[in-house]
Amino acid sequence: MLLWDAGLGSGGTVTPLLESRLNRALDVYNAEVASGHRPALVVSGGQGSDEETAEATAMKKYLIGKGVAEKLILAEARSRNTRENLTMTRDLLESSDLRSEPMIVVTSNFHVLRTAAFTRDLGLDAHVTGADTARFYAPTAFLREFVAILHRYRKPNIALLVGIASIVVILQHVN
């Protein structure tokens, strides 16, 4: 199971958004353990220029505080974005000789679609699940993701817009 950064608060503490992801990850992790599986638990996220510690380090500390044994948590503390989170986690799992397939990736609910696209791009056998996002933050977060997906698939989107515009122009001339 993989979960990654959502920024840190002052003193290297997890933010409410990140805490939501971590709690969702704990729920998924505990369900996997209860089903007889032995999942690897990987936290992923580097240290931002304005952060006192790597996000993965803060996440690991949080999970230990919730009762997860330190030896059960792997930390990838160099990545700076979602693609790097996934790539570096895959590499960490391979170098640790651990298999976690399908990988369960925990992110915020607004980020599930784009994260799933990245897992597909990287050829990862993964399921992506989302944690709840605070209501006040959700509209902005979903809008940001919408724009990011439009940009990610800009060529097909431009082709679609040109096609629609062409149909509109043709229909206007027919009338």
Protein backbone atom coordinates (compact mmCIF):
# COMPACT_ATOMS: atom_id res chain seq x y z
CA MET A 1 0.00 0.00 0.00
CA LEU A 2 1.29 3.43 -0.90
CA LEU A 3 0.32 6.83 0.31
CA TRP A 4 1.98 10.12 -0.23
CA ASP A 5 2.29 13.72 0.62
CA ALA A 6 -0.24 16.46 1.03
CA GLY A 7 2.06 19.00 2.64
CA LEU A 8 3.13 19.42 6.25
CA GLY A 9 2.13 21.86 8.94
CA SER A 10 4.43 23.80 11.23
CA GLY A 11 6.98 21.72 13.05
CA GLY A 12 6.71 18.91 10.52
CA THR A 13 3.24 17.84 11.63
CA VAL A 14 0.73 16.27 9.27
CA THR A 15 -2.02 18.56 7.97
CA PRO A 16 -5.71 17.60 8.21
CA LEU A 17 -5.68 16.66 4.50
CA LEU A 18 -2.69 14.38 5.01
CA GLU A 19 -4.17 12.99 8.23
CA SER A 20 -7.28 12.01 6.26
CA ARG A 21 -5.10 10.08 3.80
CA LEU A 22 -3.17 8.41 6.59
CA ASN A 23 -6.34 7.36 8.41
CA ARG A 24 -7.80 5.98 5.16
CA ALA A 25 -4.55 4.08 4.62
CA LEU A 26 -4.77 2.63 8.12
CA ASP A 27 -8.32 1.45 7.45
CA VAL A 28 -7.25 -0.24 4.20
CA TYR A 29 -4.10 -1.66 5.78
CA ASN A 30 -5.99 -3.11 8.75
CA ALA A 31 -8.60 -4.65 6.44
CA GLU A 32 -5.83 -6.29 4.40
CA VAL A 33 -4.19 -7.67 7.56
CA ALA A 34 -7.57 -8.93 8.82
CA SER A 35 -7.99 -10.74 5.48
CA GLY A 36 -4.77 -12.62 6.07
CA HIS A 37 -2.57 -10.53 3.79
CA ARG A 38 0.80 -9.09 4.73
CA PRO A 39 0.93 -5.82 2.82
CA ALA A 40 3.94 -3.56 2.62
CA LEU A 41 3.10 -0.09 3.91
CA VAL A 42 4.99 2.62 2.05
CA VAL A 43 4.85 6.34 2.75
CA SER A 44 6.14 8.59 0.02
CA GLY A 45 7.01 12.27 -0.17
CA GLY A 46 10.13 14.38 -0.15
CA GLN A 47 11.07 17.50 1.76
CA GLY A 48 9.81 20.77 0.36
CA SER A 49 11.96 23.88 0.55
CA ASP A 50 9.66 25.26 3.25
CA GLU A 51 9.47 22.05 5.28
CA GLU A 52 11.57 21.00 8.26
CA THR A 53 11.41 17.31 7.42
CA ALA A 54 10.52 15.00 4.57
CA GLU A 55 6.81 14.32 4.29
CA ALA A 56 7.43 10.57 4.33
CA THR A 57 9.25 10.93 7.66
CA ALA A 58 6.32 12.81 9.19
CA MET A 59 3.86 10.25 7.83
CA LYS A 60 5.90 7.37 9.22
CA LYS A 61 6.01 9.07 12.62
CA TYR A 62 2.21 9.56 12.53
CA LEU A 63 1.59 5.89 11.69
CA ILE A 64 3.94 4.73 14.43
CA GLY A 65 1.97 6.96 16.81
CA LYS A 66 -1.18 5.11 15.69
CA GLY A 67 0.35 1.76 16.62
CA VAL A 68 1.92 0.54 13.38
CA ALA A 69 5.27 -1.14 14.04
CA GLU A 70 8.15 0.90 12.60
CA LYS A 71 9.60 -2.16 10.86
CA LEU A 72 6.39 -2.50 8.82
CA ILE A 73 6.71 0.96 7.25
CA LEU A 74 8.97 1.77 4.32
CA ALA A 75 9.66 5.44 3.61
CA GLU A 76 10.47 6.96 0.24
CA ALA A 77 11.58 10.49 1.08
CA ARG A 78 12.92 11.95 -2.19
CA SER A 79 9.94 12.31 -4.53
CA ARG A 80 8.46 15.69 -5.46
CA ASN A 81 5.28 14.78 -7.36
CA THR A 82 2.80 11.97 -7.98
CA ARG A 83 4.73 10.34 -10.82
CA GLU A 84 7.91 10.32 -8.74
CA ASN A 85 5.98 8.99 -5.71
CA LEU A 86 4.86 6.00 -7.75
CA THR A 87 8.12 5.41 -9.60
CA MET A 88 10.34 5.68 -6.53
CA THR A 89 7.97 3.53 -4.48
CA ARG A 90 8.03 0.83 -7.17
CA ASP A 91 11.83 0.97 -7.11
CA LEU A 92 11.90 0.86 -3.29
CA LEU A 93 9.64 -2.20 -3.23
CA GLU A 94 11.77 -3.95 -5.86
CA SER A 95 15.04 -3.18 -4.06
CA SER A 96 13.50 -4.39 -0.79
CA ASP A 97 12.52 -7.60 -2.56
CA LEU A 98 8.90 -7.03 -1.57
CA ARG A 99 5.93 -7.67 -3.80
CA SER A 100 2.78 -5.73 -3.26
CA GLU A 101 0.45 -6.56 -6.12
CA PRO A 102 -1.96 -5.30 -6.66
CA MET A 103 -0.59 -2.16 -5.07
CA ILE A 104 -3.22 -0.15 -3.19
CA VAL A 105 -2.56 3.54 -3.58
CA VAL A 106 -4.18 5.92 -1.12
CA THR A 107 -4.62 9.56 -2.08
CA SER A 108 -7.27 12.24 -1.67
CA ASN A 109 -10.58 11.57 -3.41
CA PHE A 110 -10.08 14.49 -5.80
CA HIS A 111 -6.76 13.02 -6.98
CA VAL A 112 -7.87 9.43 -7.69
CA LEU A 113 -8.46 9.72 -11.45
CA ARG A 114 -5.11 11.30 -12.28
CA THR A 115 -3.26 8.96 -9.93
CA ALA A 116 -4.89 5.96 -11.59
CA ALA A 117 -3.75 7.31 -14.97
CA PHE A 118 -0.18 7.54 -13.67
CA THR A 119 -0.29 3.95 -12.38
CA ARG A 120 -1.47 2.82 -15.81
CA ASP A 121 1.28 4.86 -17.54
CA LEU A 122 3.89 3.21 -15.33
CA GLY A 123 2.50 -0.30 -15.84
CA LEU A 124 1.72 -0.76 -12.15
CA ASP A 125 -0.86 -3.32 -11.05
CA ALA A 126 -2.64 -0.94 -8.71
CA HIS A 127 -5.96 0.02 -7.18
CA VAL A 128 -6.37 3.66 -6.22
CA THR A 129 -8.62 4.70 -3.35
CA GLY A 130 -9.43 8.14 -2.06
CA ALA A 131 -9.66 9.71 1.36
CA ASP A 132 -12.27 12.32 2.16
CA THR A 133 -11.43 15.96 1.57
CA ALA A 134 -12.72 18.83 3.70
CA ARG A 135 -15.78 20.44 2.10
CA PHE A 136 -14.26 23.90 2.01
CA TYR A 137 -11.25 22.62 0.07
CA ALA A 138 -13.00 20.17 -2.27
CA PRO A 139 -14.24 22.60 -4.97
CA THR A 140 -10.79 24.11 -5.46
CA ALA A 141 -9.10 20.71 -5.37
CA PHE A 142 -11.48 19.14 -7.89
CA LEU A 143 -11.16 22.17 -10.19
CA ARG A 144 -7.36 21.91 -10.04
CA GLU A 145 -7.53 18.23 -10.92
CA PHE A 146 -9.97 18.91 -13.77
CA VAL A 147 -7.57 21.45 -15.27
CA ALA A 148 -4.64 19.06 -14.78
CA ILE A 149 -6.50 16.26 -16.59
CA LEU A 150 -7.49 18.62 -19.42
CA HIS A 151 -3.82 19.54 -19.75
CA ARG A 152 -2.64 15.94 -19.50
CA TYR A 153 -4.92 14.94 -22.37
CA ARG A 154 -4.65 18.24 -24.23
CA LYS A 155 -4.23 16.80 -27.75
CA PRO A 156 -7.44 14.72 -27.67
CA ASN A 157 -9.25 17.59 -25.95
CA ILE A 158 -8.14 20.07 -28.62
CA ALA A 159 -9.21 17.64 -31.35
CA LEU A 160 -12.60 17.24 -29.66
CA LEU A 161 -13.07 21.01 -29.37
CA VAL A 162 -12.10 21.54 -33.01
CA GLY A 163 -14.57 18.82 -34.01
CA ILE A 164 -17.39 20.37 -31.98
CA ALA A 165 -16.61 23.86 -33.28
CA SER A 166 -16.61 22.53 -36.84
CA ILE A 167 -20.02 20.94 -36.35
CA VAL A 168 -21.40 24.18 -34.89
CA VAL A 169 -20.06 26.20 -37.84
CA ILE A 170 -21.47 23.73 -40.35
CA LEU A 171 -24.86 23.70 -38.64
CA GLN A 172 -24.96 27.50 -38.61
CA HIS A 173 -24.32 27.59 -42.36
CA VAL A 174 -26.95 24.93 -43.09
CA ASN A 175 -29.66 27.00 -41.40
